[in-house]
PDB file of all heavy atoms in Angstrom:
ATOM      1  N   GLN A   1      -0.011  -3.890   9.904  1.00  0.00           N
ATOM      2  CA  GLN A   1       1.230  -4.347   9.441  1.00  0.00           C
ATOM      3  C   GLN A   1       1.344  -5.842   9.944  1.00  0.00           C
ATOM      4  O   GLN A   1       1.313  -6.006  11.142  1.00  0.00           O
ATOM      5  CB  GLN A   1       2.408  -3.540   9.892  1.00  0.00           C
ATOM      6  CG  GLN A   1       2.345  -2.163   9.258  1.00  0.00           C
ATOM      7  CD  GLN A   1       3.545  -1.271   9.670  1.00  0.00           C
ATOM      8  OE1 GLN A   1       4.376  -1.697  10.391  1.00  0.00           O
ATOM      9  NE2 GLN A   1       3.528  -0.097   9.089  1.00  0.00           N
ATOM     10  N   PHE A   2       1.563  -6.747   9.074  1.00  0.00           N
ATOM     11  CA  PHE A   2       1.620  -8.195   9.519  1.00  0.00           C
ATOM     12  C   PHE A   2       2.615  -8.456  10.474  1.00  0.00           C
ATOM     13  O   PHE A   2       2.367  -9.182  11.505  1.00  0.00           O
ATOM     14  CB  PHE A   2       1.867  -9.015   8.206  1.00  0.00           C
ATOM     15  CG  PHE A   2       1.934 -10.510   8.477  1.00  0.00           C
ATOM     16  CD1 PHE A   2       0.836 -11.200   8.567  1.00  0.00           C
ATOM     17  CD2 PHE A   2       3.193 -11.057   8.649  1.00  0.00           C
ATOM     18  CE1 PHE A   2       0.977 -12.714   8.835  1.00  0.00           C
ATOM     19  CE2 PHE A   2       3.313 -12.484   8.960  1.00  0.00           C
ATOM     20  CZ  PHE A   2       2.232 -13.189   9.143  1.00  0.00           C
ATOM     21  N   TRP A   3       3.888  -7.880  10.284  1.00  0.00           N
ATOM     22  CA  TRP A   3       4.952  -8.309  11.229  1.00  0.00           C
ATOM     23  C   TRP A   3       4.962  -7.325  12.392  1.00  0.00           C
ATOM     24  O   TRP A   3       5.480  -7.669  13.525  1.00  0.00           O
ATOM     25  CB  TRP A   3       6.359  -8.153  10.410  1.00  0.00           C
ATOM     26  CG  TRP A   3       6.490  -9.280   9.466  1.00  0.00           C
ATOM     27  CD1 TRP A   3       6.388  -9.285   8.194  1.00  0.00           C
ATOM     28  CD2 TRP A   3       6.802 -10.651   9.842  1.00  0.00           C
ATOM     29  NE1 TRP A   3       6.617 -10.579   7.597  1.00  0.00           N
ATOM     30  CE2 TRP A   3       6.829 -11.406   8.623  1.00  0.00           C
ATOM     31  CE3 TRP A   3       7.027 -11.375  11.026  1.00  0.00           C
ATOM     32  CZ2 TRP A   3       7.203 -12.769   8.508  1.00  0.00           C
ATOM     33  CZ3 TRP A   3       7.275 -12.725  11.015  1.00  0.00           C
ATOM     34  CH2 TRP A   3       7.401 -13.406   9.771  1.00  0.00           C
ATOM     35  N   PHE A   4       4.694  -6.118  12.227  1.00  0.00           N
ATOM     36  CA  PHE A   4       5.015  -5.052  13.365  1.00  0.00           C
ATOM     37  C   PHE A   4       3.870  -4.733  14.321  1.00  0.00           C
ATOM     38  O   PHE A   4       4.009  -4.200  15.375  1.00  0.00           O
ATOM     39  CB  PHE A   4       5.468  -3.768  12.665  1.00  0.00           C
ATOM     40  CG  PHE A   4       6.762  -3.808  12.044  1.00  0.00           C
ATOM     41  CD1 PHE A   4       6.791  -3.738  10.618  1.00  0.00           C
ATOM     42  CD2 PHE A   4       7.976  -4.129  12.673  1.00  0.00           C
ATOM     43  CE1 PHE A   4       8.084  -3.934   9.948  1.00  0.00           C
ATOM     44  CE2 PHE A   4       9.172  -4.182  12.144  1.00  0.00           C
ATOM     45  CZ  PHE A   4       9.169  -4.156  10.639  1.00  0.00           C
ATOM     46  N   ASP A   5       2.520  -5.084  13.913  1.00  0.00           N
ATOM     47  CA  ASP A   5       1.361  -4.837  14.795  1.00  0.00           C
ATOM     48  C   ASP A   5       0.994  -6.062  15.493  1.00  0.00           C
ATOM     49  O   ASP A   5       1.153  -7.273  15.021  1.00  0.00           O
ATOM     50  CB  ASP A   5       0.290  -4.399  13.878  1.00  0.00           C
ATOM     51  CG  ASP A   5       0.363  -2.881  13.383  1.00  0.00           C
ATOM     52  OD1 ASP A   5       1.038  -2.169  14.060  1.00  0.00           O
ATOM     53  OD2 ASP A   5      -0.087  -2.750  12.293  1.00  0.00           O
ATOM     54  N   ALA A   6       0.655  -5.872  16.803  1.00  0.00           N
ATOM     55  CA  ALA A   6       0.369  -7.051  17.739  1.00  0.00           C
ATOM     56  C   ALA A   6      -1.006  -7.439  17.426  1.00  0.00           C
ATOM     57  O   ALA A   6      -1.975  -7.382  18.292  1.00  0.00           O
ATOM     58  CB  ALA A   6       0.570  -6.672  19.087  1.00  0.00           C
ATOM     59  N   TRP A   7      -1.347  -7.919  16.235  1.00  0.00           N
ATOM     60  CA  TRP A   7      -2.668  -8.274  15.815  1.00  0.00           C
ATOM     61  C   TRP A   7      -3.078  -9.716  16.243  1.00  0.00           C
ATOM     62  O   TRP A   7      -4.223 -10.019  16.310  1.00  0.00           O
ATOM     63  CB  TRP A   7      -2.965  -8.118  14.349  1.00  0.00           C
ATOM     64  CG  TRP A   7      -2.156  -8.943  13.460  1.00  0.00           C
ATOM     65  CD1 TRP A   7      -0.883  -8.578  13.052  1.00  0.00           C
ATOM     66  CD2 TRP A   7      -2.444 -10.167  12.824  1.00  0.00           C
ATOM     67  NE1 TRP A   7      -0.352  -9.680  12.291  1.00  0.00           N
ATOM     68  CE2 TRP A   7      -1.337 -10.613  12.193  1.00  0.00           C
ATOM     69  CE3 TRP A   7      -3.473 -10.993  13.032  1.00  0.00           C
ATOM     70  CZ2 TRP A   7      -1.244 -11.893  11.592  1.00  0.00           C
ATOM     71  CZ3 TRP A   7      -3.528 -12.285  12.358  1.00  0.00           C
ATOM     72  CH2 TRP A   7      -2.334 -12.583  11.638  1.00  0.00           C
ATOM     73  N   ALA A   8      -2.076 -10.650  16.310  1.00  0.00           N
ATOM     74  CA  ALA A   8      -2.298 -11.952  16.519  1.00  0.00           C
ATOM     75  C   ALA A   8      -2.086 -12.384  18.076  1.00  0.00           C
ATOM     76  O   ALA A   8      -2.849 -13.204  18.463  1.00  0.00           O
ATOM     77  CB  ALA A   8      -1.312 -12.852  15.740  1.00  0.00           C
ATOM     78  N   GLU A   9      -1.150 -11.761  18.632  1.00  0.00           N
ATOM     79  CA  GLU A   9      -0.716 -12.035  20.028  1.00  0.00           C
ATOM     80  C   GLU A   9      -0.409 -10.709  20.771  1.00  0.00           C
ATOM     81  O   GLU A   9      -0.654  -9.661  20.231  1.00  0.00           O
ATOM     82  CB  GLU A   9       0.316 -13.109  20.232  1.00  0.00           C
ATOM     83  CG  GLU A   9      -0.169 -14.468  19.874  1.00  0.00           C
ATOM     84  CD  GLU A   9       0.810 -15.570  20.513  1.00  0.00           C
ATOM     85  OE1 GLU A   9       1.861 -15.182  20.918  1.00  0.00           O
ATOM     86  OE2 GLU A   9       0.409 -16.748  20.440  1.00  0.00           O
ATOM     87  N   ALA A  10       0.078 -10.918  21.927  1.00  0.00           N
ATOM     88  CA  ALA A  10       0.365  -9.648  22.648  1.00  0.00           C
ATOM     89  C   ALA A  10       1.534  -8.950  22.257  1.00  0.00           C
ATOM     90  O   ALA A  10       1.720  -7.770  22.587  1.00  0.00           O
ATOM     91  CB  ALA A  10       0.568 -10.154  24.245  1.00  0.00           C
ATOM     92  N   GLU A  11       2.311  -9.544  21.352  1.00  0.00           N
ATOM     93  CA  GLU A  11       3.595  -8.854  20.796  1.00  0.00           C
ATOM     94  C   GLU A  11       3.670  -9.057  19.328  1.00  0.00           C
ATOM     95  O   GLU A  11       3.056 -10.089  18.781  1.00  0.00           O
ATOM     96  CB  GLU A  11       4.816  -9.332  21.452  1.00  0.00           C
ATOM     97  CG  GLU A  11       5.170 -10.817  21.302  1.00  0.00           C
ATOM     98  CD  GLU A  11       6.386 -11.264  21.878  1.00  0.00           C
ATOM     99  OE1 GLU A  11       7.295 -10.431  22.034  1.00  0.00           O
ATOM    100  OE2 GLU A  11       6.516 -12.410  22.277  1.00  0.00           O
ATOM    101  N   PRO A  12       4.260  -8.178  18.597  1.00  0.00           N
ATOM    102  CA  PRO A  12       4.385  -8.311  17.123  1.00  0.00           C
ATOM    103  C   PRO A  12       5.033  -9.555  16.760  1.00  0.00           C
ATOM    104  O   PRO A  12       5.881 -10.189  17.461  1.00  0.00           O
ATOM    105  CB  PRO A  12       5.186  -7.151  16.717  1.00  0.00           C
ATOM    106  CG  PRO A  12       4.963  -6.163  17.822  1.00  0.00           C
ATOM    107  CD  PRO A  12       4.898  -6.862  19.121  1.00  0.00           C
ATOM    108  N   LEU A  13       4.668 -10.157  15.618  1.00  0.00           N
ATOM    109  CA  LEU A  13       5.224 -11.325  15.134  1.00  0.00           C
ATOM    110  C   LEU A  13       6.775 -11.163  14.815  1.00  0.00           C
ATOM    111  O   LEU A  13       7.541 -12.211  15.002  1.00  0.00           O
ATOM    112  CB  LEU A  13       4.585 -11.861  13.781  1.00  0.00           C
ATOM    113  CG  LEU A  13       3.147 -12.255  13.906  1.00  0.00           C
ATOM    114  CD1 LEU A  13       2.637 -12.623  12.593  1.00  0.00           C
ATOM    115  CD2 LEU A  13       2.971 -13.411  14.883  1.00  0.00           C
ATOM    116  N   ALA A  14       7.246  -9.953  14.459  1.00  0.00           N
ATOM    117  CA  ALA A  14       8.683  -9.739  14.237  1.00  0.00           C
ATOM    118  C   ALA A  14       9.403  -9.943  15.559  1.00  0.00           C
ATOM    119  O   ALA A  14      10.620 -10.378  15.463  1.00  0.00           O
ATOM    120  CB  ALA A  14       8.769  -8.420  13.683  1.00  0.00           C
ATOM    121  N   ASN A  15       8.858  -9.679  16.673  1.00  0.00           N
ATOM    122  CA  ASN A  15       9.536  -9.862  18.023  1.00  0.00           C
ATOM    123  C   ASN A  15       9.522 -11.249  18.384  1.00  0.00           C
ATOM    124  O   ASN A  15      10.347 -11.833  19.053  1.00  0.00           O
ATOM    125  CB  ASN A  15       8.870  -8.892  19.150  1.00  0.00           C
ATOM    126  CG  ASN A  15       9.033  -7.523  18.834  1.00  0.00           C
ATOM    127  OD1 ASN A  15       9.917  -7.149  17.959  1.00  0.00           O
ATOM    128  ND2 ASN A  15       8.405  -6.614  19.521  1.00  0.00           N
ATOM    129  N   ARG A  16       8.336 -11.896  18.190  1.00  0.00           N
ATOM    130  CA  ARG A  16       8.118 -13.375  18.634  1.00  0.00           C
ATOM    131  C   ARG A  16       8.935 -14.236  17.771  1.00  0.00           C
ATOM    132  O   ARG A  16       9.507 -15.230  18.358  1.00  0.00           O
ATOM    133  CB  ARG A  16       6.591 -13.628  18.449  1.00  0.00           C
ATOM    134  CG  ARG A  16       6.196 -15.106  18.849  1.00  0.00           C
ATOM    135  CD  ARG A  16       6.276 -15.430  20.299  1.00  0.00           C
ATOM    136  NE  ARG A  16       6.055 -16.801  20.653  1.00  0.00           N
ATOM    137  CZ  ARG A  16       4.809 -17.374  20.566  1.00  0.00           C
ATOM    138  NH1 ARG A  16       3.669 -16.694  20.239  1.00  0.00           N
ATOM    139  NH2 ARG A  16       4.737 -18.675  20.827  1.00  0.00           N
ATOM    140  N   PHE A  17       9.087 -13.943  16.496  1.00  0.00           N
ATOM    141  CA  PHE A  17       9.786 -14.984  15.652  1.00  0.00           C
ATOM    142  C   PHE A  17      10.828 -14.081  14.798  1.00  0.00           C
ATOM    143  O   PHE A  17      10.746 -13.971  13.606  1.00  0.00           O
ATOM    144  CB  PHE A  17       8.813 -15.628  14.722  1.00  0.00           C
ATOM    145  CG  PHE A  17       7.796 -16.538  15.323  1.00  0.00           C
ATOM    146  CD1 PHE A  17       6.627 -16.089  15.489  1.00  0.00           C
ATOM    147  CD2 PHE A  17       8.087 -17.814  15.738  1.00  0.00           C
ATOM    148  CE1 PHE A  17       5.614 -16.786  16.216  1.00  0.00           C
ATOM    149  CE2 PHE A  17       7.182 -18.603  16.445  1.00  0.00           C
ATOM    150  CZ  PHE A  17       5.925 -18.132  16.533  1.00  0.00           C
ATOM    151  N   PRO A  18      11.905 -13.648  15.414  1.00  0.00           N
ATOM    152  CA  PRO A  18      12.854 -12.821  14.697  1.00  0.00           C
ATOM    153  C   PRO A  18      13.666 -13.554  13.597  1.00  0.00           C
ATOM    154  O   PRO A  18      13.887 -12.993  12.550  1.00  0.00           O
ATOM    155  CB  PRO A  18      13.904 -12.395  15.892  1.00  0.00           C
ATOM    156  CG  PRO A  18      13.632 -13.454  16.870  1.00  0.00           C
ATOM    157  CD  PRO A  18      12.200 -13.846  16.856  1.00  0.00           C
ATOM    158  N   ARG A  19      13.873 -14.922  13.790  1.00  0.00           N
ATOM    159  CA  ARG A  19      14.598 -15.679  12.673  1.00  0.00           C
ATOM    160  C   ARG A  19      13.636 -15.852  11.529  1.00  0.00           C
ATOM    161  O   ARG A  19      14.156 -15.528  10.308  1.00  0.00           O
ATOM    162  CB  ARG A  19      14.832 -17.007  13.270  1.00  0.00           C
ATOM    163  CG  ARG A  19      15.331 -17.978  12.202  1.00  0.00           C
ATOM    164  CD  ARG A  19      16.596 -17.526  11.580  1.00  0.00           C
ATOM    165  NE  ARG A  19      17.668 -17.363  12.504  1.00  0.00           N
ATOM    166  CZ  ARG A  19      18.939 -16.964  12.203  1.00  0.00           C
ATOM    167  NH1 ARG A  19      19.200 -16.766  10.921  1.00  0.00           N
ATOM    168  NH2 ARG A  19      19.909 -16.905  13.121  1.00  0.00           N
ATOM    169  N   ILE A  20      12.363 -16.009  11.658  1.00  0.00           N
ATOM    170  CA  ILE A  20      11.411 -16.091  10.600  1.00  0.00           C
ATOM    171  C   ILE A  20      11.380 -14.742   9.921  1.00  0.00           C
ATOM    172  O   ILE A  20      11.389 -14.564   8.600  1.00  0.00           O
ATOM    173  CB  ILE A  20      10.105 -16.635  10.965  1.00  0.00           C
ATOM    174  CG1 ILE A  20      10.191 -17.826  11.770  1.00  0.00           C
ATOM    175  CG2 ILE A  20       9.052 -16.738   9.842  1.00  0.00           C
ATOM    176  CD1 ILE A  20      10.773 -18.974  10.890  1.00  0.00           C
ATOM    177  N   PHE A  21      11.162 -13.659  10.695  1.00  0.00           N
ATOM    178  CA  PHE A  21      11.068 -12.320  10.109  1.00  0.00           C
ATOM    179  C   PHE A  21      12.244 -11.904   9.281  1.00  0.00           C
ATOM    180  O   PHE A  21      12.169 -11.324   8.231  1.00  0.00           O
ATOM    181  CB  PHE A  21      10.939 -11.371  11.345  1.00  0.00           C
ATOM    182  CG  PHE A  21      10.986  -9.906  11.003  1.00  0.00           C
ATOM    183  CD1 PHE A  21      10.036  -9.288  10.195  1.00  0.00           C
ATOM    184  CD2 PHE A  21      12.116  -9.225  11.273  1.00  0.00           C
ATOM    185  CE1 PHE A  21      10.143  -7.970   9.845  1.00  0.00           C
ATOM    186  CE2 PHE A  21      12.266  -7.854  10.989  1.00  0.00           C
ATOM    187  CZ  PHE A  21      11.178  -7.153  10.227  1.00  0.00           C
ATOM    188  N   SER A  22      13.469 -12.318   9.711  1.00  0.00           N
ATOM    189  CA  SER A  22      14.742 -11.869   9.053  1.00  0.00           C
ATOM    190  C   SER A  22      14.778 -12.526   7.635  1.00  0.00           C
ATOM    191  O   SER A  22      15.472 -11.902   6.845  1.00  0.00           O
ATOM    192  CB  SER A  22      15.947 -12.334   9.869  1.00  0.00           C
ATOM    193  OG  SER A  22      16.114 -13.691   9.983  1.00  0.00           O
ATOM    194  N   ASN A  23      14.096 -13.528   7.396  1.00  0.00           N
ATOM    195  CA  ASN A  23      14.192 -14.271   6.082  1.00  0.00           C
ATOM    196  C   ASN A  23      13.080 -13.821   5.260  1.00  0.00           C
ATOM    197  O   ASN A  23      12.822 -14.276   4.124  1.00  0.00           O
ATOM    198  CB  ASN A  23      14.183 -15.812   6.295  1.00  0.00           C
ATOM    199  CG  ASN A  23      14.527 -16.519   5.007  1.00  0.00           C
ATOM    200  OD1 ASN A  23      15.257 -16.008   4.198  1.00  0.00           O
ATOM    201  ND2 ASN A  23      14.019 -17.729   4.823  1.00  0.00           N
ATOM    202  N   SER A  24      12.149 -12.916   5.687  1.00  0.00           N
ATOM    203  CA  SER A  24      10.954 -12.566   4.947  1.00  0.00           C
ATOM    204  C   SER A  24      11.238 -11.444   3.887  1.00  0.00           C
ATOM    205  O   SER A  24      12.035 -10.616   4.183  1.00  0.00           O
ATOM    206  CB  SER A  24       9.897 -12.011   5.834  1.00  0.00           C
ATOM    207  OG  SER A  24       8.831 -11.615   5.158  1.00  0.00           O
ATOM    208  N   LEU A  25      10.594 -11.584   2.663  1.00  0.00           N
ATOM    209  CA  LEU A  25      10.726 -10.554   1.720  1.00  0.00           C
ATOM    210  C   LEU A  25       9.557  -9.523   1.873  1.00  0.00           C
ATOM    211  O   LEU A  25       9.327  -8.744   1.018  1.00  0.00           O
ATOM    212  CB  LEU A  25      10.693 -11.101   0.374  1.00  0.00           C
ATOM    213  CG  LEU A  25      11.986 -11.722  -0.116  1.00  0.00           C
ATOM    214  CD1 LEU A  25      11.775 -12.397  -1.477  1.00  0.00           C
ATOM    215  CD2 LEU A  25      13.157 -10.706  -0.237  1.00  0.00           C
ATOM    216  N   GLN A  26       8.672  -9.769   2.879  1.00  0.00           N
ATOM    217  CA  GLN A  26       7.401  -8.976   3.091  1.00  0.00           C
ATOM    218  C   GLN A  26       7.517  -8.325   4.346  1.00  0.00           C
ATOM    219  O   GLN A  26       6.400  -8.051   4.971  1.00  0.00           O
ATOM    220  CB  GLN A  26       6.273  -9.914   2.925  1.00  0.00           C
ATOM    221  CG  GLN A  26       6.182 -10.646   1.608  1.00  0.00           C
ATOM    222  CD  GLN A  26       5.263 -11.912   1.795  1.00  0.00           C
ATOM    223  OE1 GLN A  26       5.691 -12.913   2.444  1.00  0.00           O
ATOM    224  NE2 GLN A  26       4.152 -11.899   1.135  1.00  0.00           N
ATOM    225  N   LYS A  27       8.580  -7.721   4.808  1.00  0.00           N
ATOM    226  CA  LYS A  27       8.667  -7.071   6.014  1.00  0.00           C
ATOM    227  C   LYS A  27       7.709  -5.935   6.197  1.00  0.00           C
ATOM    228  O   LYS A  27       7.283  -5.713   7.326  1.00  0.00           O
ATOM    229  CB  LYS A  27      10.218  -6.652   6.282  1.00  0.00           C
ATOM    230  CG  LYS A  27      11.156  -7.808   6.564  1.00  0.00           C
ATOM    231  CD  LYS A  27      12.522  -7.294   6.792  1.00  0.00           C
ATOM    232  CE  LYS A  27      13.439  -8.384   7.155  1.00  0.00           C
ATOM    233  NZ  LYS A  27      13.763  -9.327   5.968  1.00  0.00           N
ATOM    234  N   SER A  28       7.502  -5.137   5.264  1.00  0.00           N
ATOM    235  CA  SER A  28       6.634  -3.988   5.330  1.00  0.00           C
ATOM    236  C   SER A  28       5.245  -4.159   4.834  1.00  0.00           C
ATOM    237  O   SER A  28       4.465  -3.206   4.694  1.00  0.00           O
ATOM    238  CB  SER A  28       7.266  -2.772   4.517  1.00  0.00           C
ATOM    239  OG  SER A  28       7.475  -3.183   3.183  1.00  0.00           O
ATOM    240  N   SER A  29       4.911  -5.382   4.596  1.00  0.00           N
ATOM    241  CA  SER A  29       3.581  -5.707   3.969  1.00  0.00           C
ATOM    242  C   SER A  29       2.473  -5.728   5.066  1.00  0.00           C
ATOM    243  O   SER A  29       2.624  -5.902   6.270  1.00  0.00           O
ATOM    244  CB  SER A  29       3.589  -7.179   3.331  1.00  0.00           C
ATOM    245  OG  SER A  29       4.382  -7.156   2.227  1.00  0.00           O
ATOM    246  N   VAL A  30       1.312  -5.262   4.565  1.00  0.00           N
ATOM    247  CA  VAL A  30       0.095  -5.232   5.406  1.00  0.00           C
ATOM    248  C   VAL A  30      -0.531  -6.634   5.367  1.00  0.00           C
ATOM    249  O   VAL A  30      -0.246  -7.372   4.473  1.00  0.00           O
ATOM    250  CB  VAL A  30      -0.976  -4.154   5.015  1.00  0.00           C
ATOM    251  CG1 VAL A  30      -0.298  -2.808   5.224  1.00  0.00           C
ATOM    252  CG2 VAL A  30      -1.329  -4.292   3.507  1.00  0.00           C
ATOM    253  N   LEU A  31      -1.394  -6.968   6.261  1.00  0.00           N
ATOM    254  CA  LEU A  31      -1.991  -8.214   6.400  1.00  0.00           C
ATOM    255  C   LEU A  31      -2.744  -8.625   5.073  1.00  0.00           C
ATOM    256  O   LEU A  31      -2.626  -9.779   4.752  1.00  0.00           O
ATOM    257  CB  LEU A  31      -2.968  -8.245   7.660  1.00  0.00           C
ATOM    258  CG  LEU A  31      -3.641  -9.536   7.898  1.00  0.00           C
ATOM    259  CD1 LEU A  31      -2.650 -10.641   8.318  1.00  0.00           C
ATOM    260  CD2 LEU A  31      -4.608  -9.307   9.073  1.00  0.00           C
ATOM    261  N   ALA A  32      -3.450  -7.638   4.456  1.00  0.00           N
ATOM    262  CA  ALA A  32      -4.141  -8.035   3.212  1.00  0.00           C
ATOM    263  C   ALA A  32      -3.188  -8.495   2.136  1.00  0.00           C
ATOM    264  O   ALA A  32      -3.746  -9.173   1.255  1.00  0.00           O
ATOM    265  CB  ALA A  32      -5.010  -6.795   2.790  1.00  0.00           C
ATOM    266  N   ASN A  33      -2.008  -8.105   2.100  1.00  0.00           N
ATOM    267  CA  ASN A  33      -1.136  -8.481   1.032  1.00  0.00           C
ATOM    268  C   ASN A  33      -0.268  -9.751   1.337  1.00  0.00           C
ATOM    269  O   ASN A  33       0.536 -10.096   0.536  1.00  0.00           O
ATOM    270  CB  ASN A  33      -0.025  -7.385   0.730  1.00  0.00           C
ATOM    271  CG  ASN A  33      -0.870  -6.173   0.194  1.00  0.00           C
ATOM    272  OD1 ASN A  33      -1.911  -6.314  -0.427  1.00  0.00           O
ATOM    273  ND2 ASN A  33      -0.198  -5.026   0.298  1.00  0.00           N
ATOM    274  N   MET A  34      -0.606 -10.426   2.356  1.00  0.00           N
ATOM    275  CA  MET A  34       0.080 -11.599   2.754  1.00  0.00           C
ATOM    276  C   MET A  34      -0.614 -12.907   2.297  1.00  0.00           C
ATOM    277  O   MET A  34      -0.117 -13.989   2.622  1.00  0.00           O
ATOM    278  CB  MET A  34       0.322 -11.745   4.266  1.00  0.00           C
ATOM    279  CG  MET A  34       1.176 -10.594   4.899  1.00  0.00           C
ATOM    280  SD  MET A  34       2.804 -10.512   4.258  1.00  0.00           S
ATOM    281  CE  MET A  34       3.449 -12.141   5.176  1.00  0.00           C
ATOM    282  N   GLY A  35      -1.590 -12.712   1.481  1.00  0.00           N
ATOM    283  CA  GLY A  35      -2.240 -13.969   1.016  1.00  0.00           C
ATOM    284  C   GLY A  35      -3.460 -13.630   0.189  1.00  0.00           C
ATOM    285  O   GLY A  35      -3.666 -12.476  -0.255  1.00  0.00           O
ATOM    286  N   HIS A  36      -4.398 -14.509  -0.084  1.00  0.00           N
ATOM    287  CA  HIS A  36      -5.616 -14.234  -0.881  1.00  0.00           C
ATOM    288  C   HIS A  36      -6.721 -15.190  -0.480  1.00  0.00           C
ATOM    289  O   HIS A  36      -6.511 -16.200   0.208  1.00  0.00           O
ATOM    290  CB  HIS A  36      -5.278 -14.440  -2.393  1.00  0.00           C
ATOM    291  CG  HIS A  36      -4.857 -15.710  -2.719  1.00  0.00           C
ATOM    292  ND1 HIS A  36      -3.677 -16.229  -2.466  1.00  0.00           N
ATOM    293  CD2 HIS A  36      -5.663 -16.721  -3.269  1.00  0.00           C
ATOM    294  CE1 HIS A  36      -3.539 -17.539  -2.973  1.00  0.00           C
ATOM    295  NE2 HIS A  36      -4.721 -17.883  -3.403  1.00  0.00           N
ATOM    296  N   TRP A  37      -7.912 -14.787  -0.942  1.00  0.00           N
ATOM    297  CA  TRP A  37      -9.149 -15.684  -0.648  1.00  0.00           C
ATOM    298  C   TRP A  37      -9.301 -16.651  -1.798  1.00  0.00           C
ATOM    299  O   TRP A  37      -9.207 -16.321  -2.985  1.00  0.00           O
ATOM    300  CB  TRP A  37     -10.364 -14.861  -0.528  1.00  0.00           C
ATOM    301  CG  TRP A  37     -10.472 -14.071   0.751  1.00  0.00           C
ATOM    302  CD1 TRP A  37     -10.184 -12.714   0.981  1.00  0.00           C
ATOM    303  CD2 TRP A  37     -10.728 -14.591   2.123  1.00  0.00           C
ATOM    304  NE1 TRP A  37     -10.278 -12.422   2.275  1.00  0.00           N
ATOM    305  CE2 TRP A  37     -10.795 -13.539   3.002  1.00  0.00           C
ATOM    306  CE3 TRP A  37     -11.155 -15.862   2.481  1.00  0.00           C
ATOM    307  CZ2 TRP A  37     -10.980 -13.687   4.451  1.00  0.00           C
ATOM    308  CZ3 TRP A  37     -11.542 -15.908   3.864  1.00  0.00           C
ATOM    309  CH2 TRP A  37     -11.316 -14.852   4.808  1.00  0.00           C
ATOM    310  N   SER A  38      -9.592 -17.909  -1.453  1.00  0.00           N
ATOM    311  CA  SER A  38      -9.797 -18.865  -2.354  1.00  0.00           C
ATOM    312  C   SER A  38     -10.861 -19.843  -2.018  1.00  0.00           C
ATOM    313  O   SER A  38     -10.723 -20.566  -0.919  1.00  0.00           O
ATOM    314  CB  SER A  38      -8.513 -19.750  -2.681  1.00  0.00           C
ATOM    315  OG  SER A  38      -8.756 -20.782  -3.606  1.00  0.00           O
ATOM    316  N   ARG A  39     -12.042 -19.693  -2.599  1.00  0.00           N
ATOM    317  CA  ARG A  39     -13.233 -20.549  -2.248  1.00  0.00           C
ATOM    318  C   ARG A  39     -13.610 -20.264  -0.769  1.00  0.00           C
ATOM    319  O   ARG A  39     -13.786 -21.208   0.106  1.00  0.00           O
ATOM    320  CB  ARG A  39     -12.897 -22.082  -2.475  1.00  0.00           C
ATOM    321  CG  ARG A  39     -12.742 -22.441  -4.078  1.00  0.00           C
ATOM    322  CD  ARG A  39     -12.431 -23.926  -4.135  1.00  0.00           C
ATOM    323  NE  ARG A  39     -12.168 -24.240  -5.594  1.00  0.00           N
ATOM    324  CZ  ARG A  39     -12.058 -25.357  -6.034  1.00  0.00           C
ATOM    325  NH1 ARG A  39     -11.928 -26.363  -5.069  1.00  0.00           N
ATOM    326  NH2 ARG A  39     -11.771 -25.548  -7.418  1.00  0.00           N
TER     327      ARG A  39
END
């Protein structure tokens, strides 16, 4: 889970950046659905 799992740092992104998280439409999205591969 992009926002709730501590995959990037010691704490989840939702805790580190609550303001950014509150404006997201992808709160329950997994990491794979947050972008795509291009070249």
